[in-house]
N, C-alpha and C. Protein backbone atom coordinates (compact mmCIF):
# COMPACT_ATOMS: atom_id res chain seq x y z
N MET A 1 -9.20 0.88 -19.74
CA MET A 1 -9.67 2.23 -19.57
C MET A 1 -9.22 2.73 -18.19
N PRO A 2 -8.60 3.90 -18.12
CA PRO A 2 -8.15 4.43 -16.83
C PRO A 2 -9.35 4.79 -15.94
N PRO A 3 -9.15 4.75 -14.63
CA PRO A 3 -10.25 5.11 -13.73
C PRO A 3 -10.70 6.55 -13.98
N ALA A 4 -11.96 6.78 -13.81
CA ALA A 4 -12.51 8.12 -14.01
C ALA A 4 -12.44 8.96 -12.74
N GLY A 5 -12.13 8.31 -11.61
CA GLY A 5 -12.11 9.02 -10.33
C GLY A 5 -10.71 9.19 -9.79
N ALA A 6 -10.57 8.88 -8.54
CA ALA A 6 -9.30 9.07 -7.82
C ALA A 6 -8.22 8.12 -8.33
N PHE A 7 -7.00 8.46 -7.99
CA PHE A 7 -5.87 7.62 -8.40
C PHE A 7 -5.23 6.98 -7.19
N TYR A 8 -6.08 6.52 -6.27
CA TYR A 8 -5.62 5.82 -5.07
C TYR A 8 -6.34 4.49 -4.96
N VAL A 9 -5.69 3.55 -4.28
CA VAL A 9 -6.32 2.28 -3.91
C VAL A 9 -6.22 2.17 -2.40
N PHE A 10 -7.33 1.86 -1.76
CA PHE A 10 -7.37 1.66 -0.32
C PHE A 10 -7.54 0.16 -0.12
N ALA A 11 -6.44 -0.53 0.16
CA ALA A 11 -6.42 -1.99 0.14
C ALA A 11 -6.48 -2.58 1.55
N ASP A 12 -7.25 -3.62 1.68
CA ASP A 12 -7.36 -4.35 2.93
C ASP A 12 -6.07 -5.16 3.13
N ALA A 13 -5.32 -4.83 4.16
CA ALA A 13 -4.04 -5.50 4.43
C ALA A 13 -4.07 -6.24 5.76
N ARG A 14 -5.25 -6.49 6.29
CA ARG A 14 -5.36 -7.10 7.62
C ARG A 14 -4.76 -8.50 7.69
N ARG A 15 -4.68 -9.18 6.57
CA ARG A 15 -4.08 -10.52 6.62
C ARG A 15 -2.59 -10.47 6.89
N PHE A 16 -1.97 -9.28 6.76
CA PHE A 16 -0.55 -9.12 7.00
C PHE A 16 -0.25 -8.52 8.36
N GLY A 17 -1.27 -8.21 9.15
CA GLY A 17 -1.09 -7.65 10.47
C GLY A 17 -2.17 -6.65 10.78
N SER A 18 -2.32 -6.33 12.06
CA SER A 18 -3.40 -5.43 12.47
C SER A 18 -2.95 -3.99 12.65
N ASP A 19 -1.65 -3.73 12.52
CA ASP A 19 -1.11 -2.38 12.72
C ASP A 19 -0.65 -1.83 11.38
N SER A 20 -1.50 -1.00 10.76
CA SER A 20 -1.19 -0.51 9.41
C SER A 20 0.03 0.41 9.40
N ARG A 21 0.26 1.14 10.47
CA ARG A 21 1.43 2.02 10.52
C ARG A 21 2.71 1.19 10.56
N ARG A 22 2.73 0.18 11.39
CA ARG A 22 3.90 -0.70 11.47
C ARG A 22 4.15 -1.38 10.13
N LEU A 23 3.09 -1.87 9.50
CA LEU A 23 3.23 -2.54 8.21
C LEU A 23 3.75 -1.57 7.15
N ALA A 24 3.23 -0.36 7.11
CA ALA A 24 3.67 0.62 6.12
C ALA A 24 5.16 0.93 6.27
N PHE A 25 5.61 1.12 7.52
CA PHE A 25 7.03 1.42 7.74
C PHE A 25 7.90 0.21 7.46
N ASP A 26 7.41 -0.99 7.78
CA ASP A 26 8.15 -2.21 7.47
C ASP A 26 8.32 -2.37 5.95
N LEU A 27 7.26 -2.13 5.21
CA LEU A 27 7.33 -2.23 3.74
C LEU A 27 8.29 -1.19 3.17
N LEU A 28 8.25 0.01 3.70
CA LEU A 28 9.17 1.05 3.24
C LEU A 28 10.62 0.63 3.47
N GLU A 29 10.89 0.12 4.64
CA GLU A 29 12.25 -0.30 4.98
C GLU A 29 12.72 -1.47 4.12
N ARG A 30 11.85 -2.47 3.93
CA ARG A 30 12.26 -3.68 3.22
C ARG A 30 12.17 -3.58 1.70
N THR A 31 11.23 -2.77 1.18
CA THR A 31 11.02 -2.75 -0.27
C THR A 31 11.29 -1.39 -0.91
N HIS A 32 11.41 -0.37 -0.09
CA HIS A 32 11.57 1.02 -0.57
C HIS A 32 10.34 1.48 -1.34
N VAL A 33 9.19 0.93 -0.97
CA VAL A 33 7.91 1.34 -1.53
C VAL A 33 7.13 2.05 -0.42
N ALA A 34 6.74 3.29 -0.66
CA ALA A 34 6.01 4.06 0.34
C ALA A 34 4.51 3.91 0.14
N VAL A 35 3.82 3.57 1.22
CA VAL A 35 2.37 3.50 1.24
C VAL A 35 1.90 4.27 2.47
N THR A 36 0.64 4.64 2.50
CA THR A 36 0.10 5.37 3.64
C THR A 36 -0.70 4.42 4.51
N PRO A 37 -0.42 4.40 5.81
CA PRO A 37 -1.20 3.54 6.70
C PRO A 37 -2.65 3.99 6.75
N GLY A 38 -3.56 3.05 6.70
CA GLY A 38 -4.98 3.38 6.71
C GLY A 38 -5.41 4.11 7.96
N VAL A 39 -4.77 3.85 9.08
CA VAL A 39 -5.14 4.50 10.33
C VAL A 39 -4.98 6.01 10.24
N ASP A 40 -4.16 6.50 9.33
CA ASP A 40 -4.01 7.95 9.13
C ASP A 40 -5.31 8.60 8.66
N PHE A 41 -6.27 7.79 8.21
CA PHE A 41 -7.56 8.29 7.74
C PHE A 41 -8.66 8.05 8.76
N GLY A 42 -8.29 7.67 9.95
CA GLY A 42 -9.25 7.43 11.02
C GLY A 42 -9.21 5.99 11.49
N ALA A 43 -9.84 5.76 12.63
CA ALA A 43 -9.81 4.43 13.25
C ALA A 43 -10.39 3.34 12.33
N ALA A 44 -11.38 3.67 11.53
CA ALA A 44 -11.98 2.68 10.63
C ALA A 44 -11.02 2.25 9.53
N GLY A 45 -9.96 3.03 9.29
CA GLY A 45 -8.98 2.68 8.26
C GLY A 45 -7.88 1.75 8.75
N GLU A 46 -7.87 1.45 10.05
CA GLU A 46 -6.83 0.56 10.57
C GLU A 46 -6.91 -0.78 9.87
N GLY A 47 -5.74 -1.29 9.49
CA GLY A 47 -5.67 -2.57 8.79
C GLY A 47 -5.65 -2.41 7.28
N PHE A 48 -5.77 -1.19 6.79
CA PHE A 48 -5.75 -0.92 5.36
C PHE A 48 -4.50 -0.12 5.01
N LEU A 49 -4.11 -0.16 3.76
CA LEU A 49 -3.01 0.65 3.23
C LEU A 49 -3.53 1.42 2.03
N ARG A 50 -3.07 2.65 1.88
CA ARG A 50 -3.45 3.45 0.71
C ARG A 50 -2.27 3.54 -0.23
N PHE A 51 -2.52 3.19 -1.48
CA PHE A 51 -1.53 3.23 -2.54
C PHE A 51 -1.89 4.34 -3.51
N SER A 52 -0.92 5.14 -3.89
CA SER A 52 -1.12 6.16 -4.91
C SER A 52 -0.72 5.58 -6.26
N LEU A 53 -1.54 5.82 -7.25
CA LEU A 53 -1.28 5.32 -8.59
C LEU A 53 -0.90 6.46 -9.53
N SER A 54 -0.26 7.49 -8.98
CA SER A 54 0.07 8.67 -9.78
C SER A 54 1.45 8.59 -10.43
N ALA A 55 2.21 7.55 -10.12
CA ALA A 55 3.54 7.38 -10.73
C ALA A 55 3.38 6.77 -12.12
N PRO A 56 4.44 6.81 -12.92
CA PRO A 56 4.39 6.15 -14.23
C PRO A 56 4.14 4.64 -14.08
N ASP A 57 3.50 4.05 -15.06
CA ASP A 57 3.14 2.63 -15.00
C ASP A 57 4.33 1.73 -14.68
N ALA A 58 5.49 2.00 -15.25
CA ALA A 58 6.66 1.16 -15.02
C ALA A 58 7.07 1.18 -13.55
N GLU A 59 6.96 2.33 -12.91
CA GLU A 59 7.30 2.43 -11.48
C GLU A 59 6.29 1.70 -10.61
N ILE A 60 5.03 1.78 -10.97
CA ILE A 60 3.99 1.06 -10.22
C ILE A 60 4.20 -0.44 -10.36
N GLU A 61 4.52 -0.89 -11.56
CA GLU A 61 4.77 -2.32 -11.78
C GLU A 61 5.97 -2.79 -10.95
N GLU A 62 7.04 -2.00 -10.92
CA GLU A 62 8.21 -2.36 -10.11
C GLU A 62 7.86 -2.41 -8.63
N ALA A 63 7.07 -1.47 -8.16
CA ALA A 63 6.64 -1.46 -6.76
C ALA A 63 5.85 -2.72 -6.44
N MET A 64 4.98 -3.14 -7.33
CA MET A 64 4.18 -4.34 -7.10
C MET A 64 5.05 -5.59 -7.04
N VAL A 65 6.08 -5.64 -7.88
CA VAL A 65 7.02 -6.77 -7.85
C VAL A 65 7.73 -6.80 -6.50
N ARG A 66 8.21 -5.66 -6.04
CA ARG A 66 8.90 -5.59 -4.74
C ARG A 66 7.98 -6.01 -3.60
N LEU A 67 6.75 -5.52 -3.62
CA LEU A 67 5.81 -5.88 -2.56
C LEU A 67 5.48 -7.36 -2.59
N ALA A 68 5.30 -7.92 -3.77
CA ALA A 68 5.00 -9.35 -3.89
C ALA A 68 6.12 -10.21 -3.32
N ARG A 69 7.35 -9.77 -3.50
CA ARG A 69 8.50 -10.52 -2.94
C ARG A 69 8.53 -10.46 -1.41
N ALA A 70 8.06 -9.34 -0.85
CA ALA A 70 8.18 -9.11 0.58
C ALA A 70 7.01 -9.66 1.39
N LEU A 71 5.84 -9.77 0.79
CA LEU A 71 4.66 -10.18 1.53
C LEU A 71 4.42 -11.68 1.38
N PRO A 72 4.00 -12.32 2.46
CA PRO A 72 3.69 -13.76 2.36
C PRO A 72 2.47 -13.98 1.49
N ARG A 73 2.43 -15.11 0.85
CA ARG A 73 1.30 -15.41 -0.05
C ARG A 73 0.15 -15.87 0.73
């Protein structure tokens, strides 16, 4: 069942670094997947990334594959 609310995920990415802006730009450069740094939503958002789920399912799945390859387990 699709979510009834927003089509965004605000994910905790602190295990990958403490600078969400740096991480977002690094991911864009390495994977060509654009995410929004959590710090753009205020100081409490630092360490988080915001993902939009408004693209077609196939594109979201491809983005997740690219991110999984780029991020350490």
